[in-house]
Amino acid sequence: MAENQMKLEESFERLDQILAGLERPEVSLEDSFALYQEGMKLLKLCNDSIDKVEKELIILGENGEPDEL
Protein backbone atom coordinates (compact mmCIF):
# COMPACT_ATOMS: atom_id res chain seq x y z
CA MET A 1 0.00 0.00 0.00
CA ALA A 2 2.93 2.36 0.63
CA GLU A 3 3.87 2.09 -3.04
CA ASN A 4 0.35 3.15 -4.08
CA GLN A 5 0.45 6.10 -1.72
CA MET A 6 3.82 7.17 -3.06
CA LYS A 7 2.54 6.95 -6.60
CA LEU A 8 -0.49 8.99 -5.61
CA GLU A 9 1.71 11.61 -3.95
CA GLU A 10 3.92 11.72 -7.03
CA SER A 11 0.84 12.19 -9.18
CA PHE A 12 -0.27 15.12 -7.04
CA GLU A 13 3.19 16.67 -7.35
CA ARG A 14 3.05 16.29 -11.13
CA LEU A 15 -0.43 17.84 -11.17
CA ASP A 16 0.99 20.84 -9.32
CA GLN A 17 3.72 21.12 -11.95
CA ILE A 18 1.14 20.92 -14.73
CA LEU A 19 -0.94 23.67 -13.15
CA ALA A 20 2.13 25.87 -12.85
CA GLY A 21 2.89 25.20 -16.51
CA LEU A 22 -0.63 26.09 -17.59
CA GLU A 23 -0.41 29.39 -15.72
CA ARG A 24 2.68 30.51 -17.63
CA PRO A 25 1.72 33.05 -20.29
CA GLU A 26 4.44 31.93 -22.71
CA VAL A 27 3.10 28.37 -23.04
CA SER A 28 1.72 27.73 -26.52
CA LEU A 29 -1.79 26.53 -27.14
CA GLU A 30 -0.51 23.13 -28.26
CA ASP A 31 1.62 22.74 -25.13
CA SER A 32 -1.29 23.87 -22.96
CA PHE A 33 -3.52 21.25 -24.53
CA ALA A 34 -0.88 18.53 -24.00
CA LEU A 35 -0.50 19.56 -20.35
CA TYR A 36 -4.28 19.56 -19.95
CA GLN A 37 -4.55 16.04 -21.38
CA GLU A 38 -1.77 14.76 -19.11
CA GLY A 39 -3.45 16.38 -16.11
CA MET A 40 -6.80 14.80 -16.90
CA LYS A 41 -5.19 11.35 -17.18
CA LEU A 42 -3.47 11.86 -13.83
CA LEU A 43 -6.72 12.98 -12.23
CA LYS A 44 -8.42 9.82 -13.43
CA LEU A 45 -5.60 7.67 -12.04
CA CYS A 46 -5.78 9.50 -8.71
CA ASN A 47 -9.56 9.09 -8.52
CA ASP A 48 -9.30 5.39 -9.37
CA SER A 49 -6.65 4.89 -6.71
CA ILE A 50 -8.68 6.69 -4.06
CA ASP A 51 -11.83 4.77 -5.02
CA LYS A 52 -9.95 1.49 -4.66
CA VAL A 53 -8.80 2.37 -1.15
CA GLU A 54 -12.29 3.49 -0.17
CA LYS A 55 -13.74 0.17 -1.36
CA GLU A 56 -11.11 -1.75 0.61
CA LEU A 57 -12.01 0.23 3.74
CA ILE A 58 -15.71 -0.52 3.24
CA ILE A 59 -14.94 -4.23 2.88
CA LEU A 60 -12.85 -4.17 6.05
CA GLY A 61 -15.72 -2.48 7.89
CA GLU A 62 -18.23 -5.04 6.66
CA ASN A 63 -16.05 -7.95 7.77
CA GLY A 64 -16.69 -6.95 11.36
CA GLU A 65 -13.15 -6.09 12.35
CA PRO A 66 -13.18 -5.67 16.14
CA ASP A 67 -13.08 -2.11 17.36
CA GLU A 68 -10.11 -1.22 19.52
CA LEU A 69 -10.91 0.46 22.80
C-alpha atoms as a PDB file:
ATOM      1  CA  MET A   1       0.000   0.000   0.000  1.00  0.00           C
ATOM      2  CA  ALA A   2       2.932   2.361   0.631  1.00  0.00           C
ATOM      3  CA  GLU A   3       3.867   2.094  -3.042  1.00  0.00           C
ATOM      4  CA  ASN A   4       0.351   3.145  -4.079  1.00  0.00           C
ATOM      5  CA  GLN A   5       0.447   6.101  -1.719  1.00  0.00           C
ATOM      6  CA  MET A   6       3.817   7.170  -3.057  1.00  0.00           C
ATOM      7  CA  LYS A   7       2.539   6.946  -6.602  1.00  0.00           C
ATOM      8  CA  LEU A   8      -0.490   8.990  -5.608  1.00  0.00           C
ATOM      9  CA  GLU A   9       1.707  11.610  -3.953  1.00  0.00           C
ATOM     10  CA  GLU A  10       3.921  11.723  -7.028  1.00  0.00           C
ATOM     11  CA  SER A  11       0.844  12.189  -9.181  1.00  0.00           C
ATOM     12  CA  PHE A  12      -0.265  15.119  -7.036  1.00  0.00           C
ATOM     13  CA  GLU A  13       3.186  16.668  -7.351  1.00  0.00           C
ATOM     14  CA  ARG A  14       3.048  16.286 -11.133  1.00  0.00           C
ATOM     15  CA  LEU A  15      -0.427  17.844 -11.174  1.00  0.00           C
ATOM     16  CA  ASP A  16       0.992  20.844  -9.317  1.00  0.00           C
ATOM     17  CA  GLN A  17       3.723  21.118 -11.952  1.00  0.00           C
ATOM     18  CA  ILE A  18       1.140  20.916 -14.732  1.00  0.00           C
ATOM     19  CA  LEU A  19      -0.944  23.670 -13.150  1.00  0.00           C
ATOM     20  CA  ALA A  20       2.127  25.873 -12.851  1.00  0.00           C
ATOM     21  CA  GLY A  21       2.890  25.204 -16.514  1.00  0.00           C
ATOM     22  CA  LEU A  22      -0.628  26.091 -17.593  1.00  0.00           C
ATOM     23  CA  GLU A  23      -0.414  29.385 -15.722  1.00  0.00           C
ATOM     24  CA  ARG A  24       2.681  30.508 -17.631  1.00  0.00           C
ATOM     25  CA  PRO A  25       1.717  33.046 -20.291  1.00  0.00           C
ATOM     26  CA  GLU A  26       4.444  31.932 -22.714  1.00  0.00           C
ATOM     27  CA  VAL A  27       3.098  28.371 -23.041  1.00  0.00           C
ATOM     28  CA  SER A  28       1.723  27.727 -26.518  1.00  0.00           C
ATOM     29  CA  LEU A  29      -1.795  26.534 -27.143  1.00  0.00           C
ATOM     30  CA  GLU A  30      -0.507  23.129 -28.259  1.00  0.00           C
ATOM     31  CA  ASP A  31       1.617  22.739 -25.127  1.00  0.00           C
ATOM     32  CA  SER A  32      -1.287  23.866 -22.957  1.00  0.00           C
ATOM     33  CA  PHE A  33      -3.516  21.250 -24.528  1.00  0.00           C
ATOM     34  CA  ALA A  34      -0.877  18.526 -24.003  1.00  0.00           C
ATOM     35  CA  LEU A  35      -0.502  19.555 -20.352  1.00  0.00           C
ATOM     36  CA  TYR A  36      -4.276  19.556 -19.947  1.00  0.00           C
ATOM     37  CA  GLN A  37      -4.553  16.039 -21.377  1.00  0.00           C
ATOM     38  CA  GLU A  38      -1.774  14.764 -19.107  1.00  0.00           C
ATOM     39  CA  GLY A  39      -3.452  16.384 -16.114  1.00  0.00           C
ATOM     40  CA  MET A  40      -6.805  14.797 -16.903  1.00  0.00           C
ATOM     41  CA  LYS A  41      -5.194  11.353 -17.181  1.00  0.00           C
ATOM     42  CA  LEU A  42      -3.466  11.862 -13.834  1.00  0.00           C
ATOM     43  CA  LEU A  43      -6.716  12.983 -12.231  1.00  0.00           C
ATOM     44  CA  LYS A  44      -8.421   9.816 -13.430  1.00  0.00           C
ATOM     45  CA  LEU A  45      -5.601   7.665 -12.041  1.00  0.00           C
ATOM     46  CA  CYS A  46      -5.777   9.497  -8.710  1.00  0.00           C
ATOM     47  CA  ASN A  47      -9.556   9.093  -8.518  1.00  0.00           C
ATOM     48  CA  ASP A  48      -9.298   5.395  -9.368  1.00  0.00           C
ATOM     49  CA  SER A  49      -6.646   4.889  -6.707  1.00  0.00           C
ATOM     50  CA  ILE A  50      -8.682   6.693  -4.057  1.00  0.00           C
ATOM     51  CA  ASP A  51     -11.834   4.766  -5.021  1.00  0.00           C
ATOM     52  CA  LYS A  52      -9.948   1.491  -4.657  1.00  0.00           C
ATOM     53  CA  VAL A  53      -8.795   2.374  -1.154  1.00  0.00           C
ATOM     54  CA  GLU A  54     -12.293   3.488  -0.169  1.00  0.00           C
ATOM     55  CA  LYS A  55     -13.740   0.169  -1.360  1.00  0.00           C
ATOM     56  CA  GLU A  56     -11.111  -1.747   0.615  1.00  0.00           C
ATOM     57  CA  LEU A  57     -12.014   0.230   3.742  1.00  0.00           C
ATOM     58  CA  ILE A  58     -15.712  -0.521   3.243  1.00  0.00           C
ATOM     59  CA  ILE A  59     -14.944  -4.232   2.880  1.00  0.00           C
ATOM     60  CA  LEU A  60     -12.846  -4.174   6.052  1.00  0.00           C
ATOM     61  CA  GLY A  61     -15.716  -2.483   7.888  1.00  0.00           C
ATOM     62  CA  GLU A  62     -18.228  -5.044   6.655  1.00  0.00           C
ATOM     63  CA  ASN A  63     -16.055  -7.950   7.771  1.00  0.00           C
ATOM     64  CA  GLY A  64     -16.686  -6.949  11.357  1.00  0.00           C
ATOM     65  CA  GLU A  65     -13.154  -6.090  12.346  1.00  0.00           C
ATOM     66  CA  PRO A  66     -13.180  -5.666  16.140  1.00  0.00           C
ATOM     67  CA  ASP A  67     -13.079  -2.107  17.363  1.00  0.00           C
ATOM     68  CA  GLU A  68     -10.112  -1.220  19.521  1.00  0.00           C
ATOM     69  CA  LEU A  69     -10.908   0.459  22.802  1.00  0.00           C
END
